[in-house]
Amino acid sequence: MNIDSVWPRIVQHAGQTFKTSTGLEFTYRVPGQFLRVTRDGREINRSLSRTNFARALEAMPVDRPGDISDCQGPAYTWAILMDPRVRRHDW
C-alpha cells in the first residue's frame, strides 16, 4: 500500500468524525496536500502533511500512536490510518 492509493481515502472522509486511541473525537479538513484537525470545535494549530502520512503508512499496522512517535500528530495520524474507512483490509 502506498500513499497514492491511501490519500484519496483520507480526503474522501474529511469532515467525518474519527476517534483517537483514548476516545477523543475529532474531524479534519484537507485544504491541499495536508490536513487540519478540529477537536472540541477548535482547529488545532498544526498541519499534518501528506508526506507525514506516507511515512506513517510505511509502519502500518502498529498497535498504538506511540509506535509512530517520529511522525507529527501521532495520535491523529494513527487514528486516521487505523480507522476501517481508511485502512479497509489493506494492513
Protein backbone atom coordinates (compact mmCIF):
# COMPACT_ATOMS: atom_id res chain seq x y z
CA MET A 1 0.00 0.00 0.00
CA ASN A 2 1.31 3.44 -0.82
CA ILE A 3 0.22 6.98 -0.15
CA ASP A 4 -1.07 7.45 -3.71
CA SER A 5 -3.81 4.90 -3.05
CA VAL A 6 -4.46 5.86 0.59
CA TRP A 7 -4.51 9.67 0.35
CA PRO A 8 -7.77 9.71 -1.68
CA ARG A 9 -9.41 7.69 1.12
CA ILE A 10 -8.22 10.25 3.66
CA VAL A 11 -9.61 13.07 1.52
CA GLN A 12 -12.90 11.20 1.00
CA HIS A 13 -13.59 11.03 4.74
CA ALA A 14 -12.75 14.66 5.57
CA GLY A 15 -15.42 16.16 7.81
CA GLN A 16 -16.38 12.82 9.33
CA THR A 17 -15.79 12.01 13.00
CA PHE A 18 -12.76 9.96 13.97
CA LYS A 19 -11.57 8.88 17.43
CA THR A 20 -8.10 8.79 18.91
CA SER A 21 -6.94 5.70 20.79
CA THR A 22 -8.13 7.38 24.01
CA GLY A 23 -11.59 8.07 22.56
CA LEU A 24 -11.25 11.79 21.81
CA GLU A 25 -13.40 12.71 18.83
CA PHE A 26 -12.07 14.92 16.05
CA THR A 27 -12.69 15.86 12.45
CA TYR A 28 -10.36 17.19 9.80
CA ARG A 29 -10.37 19.07 6.54
CA VAL A 30 -7.99 18.71 3.61
CA PRO A 31 -7.30 22.11 2.02
CA GLY A 32 -4.37 20.82 -0.04
CA GLN A 33 -1.60 18.26 0.40
CA PHE A 34 -2.13 18.40 4.16
CA LEU A 35 -4.95 18.21 6.65
CA ARG A 36 -6.09 20.36 9.56
CA VAL A 37 -7.57 18.74 12.66
CA THR A 38 -10.54 20.16 14.59
CA ARG A 39 -11.29 18.98 18.12
CA ASP A 40 -13.87 20.41 20.51
CA GLY A 41 -14.93 22.90 17.85
CA ARG A 42 -11.45 24.40 17.51
CA GLU A 43 -8.91 23.84 14.80
CA ILE A 44 -5.60 22.66 16.19
CA ASN A 45 -2.68 24.83 15.16
CA ARG A 46 -0.85 22.11 13.26
CA SER A 47 -0.92 20.80 9.73
CA LEU A 48 -0.40 17.10 9.05
CA SER A 49 1.16 16.69 5.62
CA ARG A 50 0.63 14.01 3.04
CA THR A 51 4.34 13.21 3.49
CA ASN A 52 3.72 12.66 7.21
CA PHE A 53 1.04 10.10 6.37
CA ALA A 54 3.31 8.44 3.80
CA ARG A 55 5.99 7.99 6.47
CA ALA A 56 3.48 6.59 8.98
CA LEU A 57 1.97 4.31 6.36
CA GLU A 58 5.32 2.53 5.98
CA ALA A 59 4.99 1.36 9.60
CA MET A 60 1.36 0.22 9.44
CA PRO A 61 -0.14 -1.63 11.13
CA VAL A 62 1.01 -0.56 14.58
CA ASP A 63 -0.71 -1.11 17.91
CA ARG A 64 -0.66 2.43 19.27
CA PRO A 65 0.21 6.02 18.36
CA GLY A 66 3.47 5.82 20.30
CA ASP A 67 4.72 3.37 17.70
CA ILE A 68 4.81 6.23 15.17
CA SER A 69 6.02 8.94 17.56
CA ASP A 70 8.54 10.09 14.93
CA CYS A 71 5.57 11.39 12.89
CA GLN A 72 3.75 14.65 13.54
CA GLY A 73 0.48 14.39 15.42
CA PRO A 74 0.85 10.64 16.03
CA ALA A 75 -2.50 10.37 17.86
CA TYR A 76 -4.39 11.81 14.88
CA THR A 77 -2.24 10.18 12.22
CA TRP A 78 -2.68 6.76 13.86
CA ALA A 79 -6.43 7.26 14.35
CA ILE A 80 -6.95 8.10 10.68
CA LEU A 81 -4.74 5.35 9.26
CA MET A 82 -6.11 2.64 11.56
CA ASP A 83 -9.75 3.60 11.03
CA PRO A 84 -11.59 0.95 8.95
CA ARG A 85 -12.80 3.61 6.49
CA VAL A 86 -9.21 4.38 5.54
CA ARG A 87 -7.49 1.12 6.41
CA ARG A 88 -10.06 -1.18 4.83
CA HIS A 89 -8.33 -4.57 4.95
CA ASP A 90 -5.04 -3.41 3.49
CA TRP A 91 -2.92 -3.54 6.68
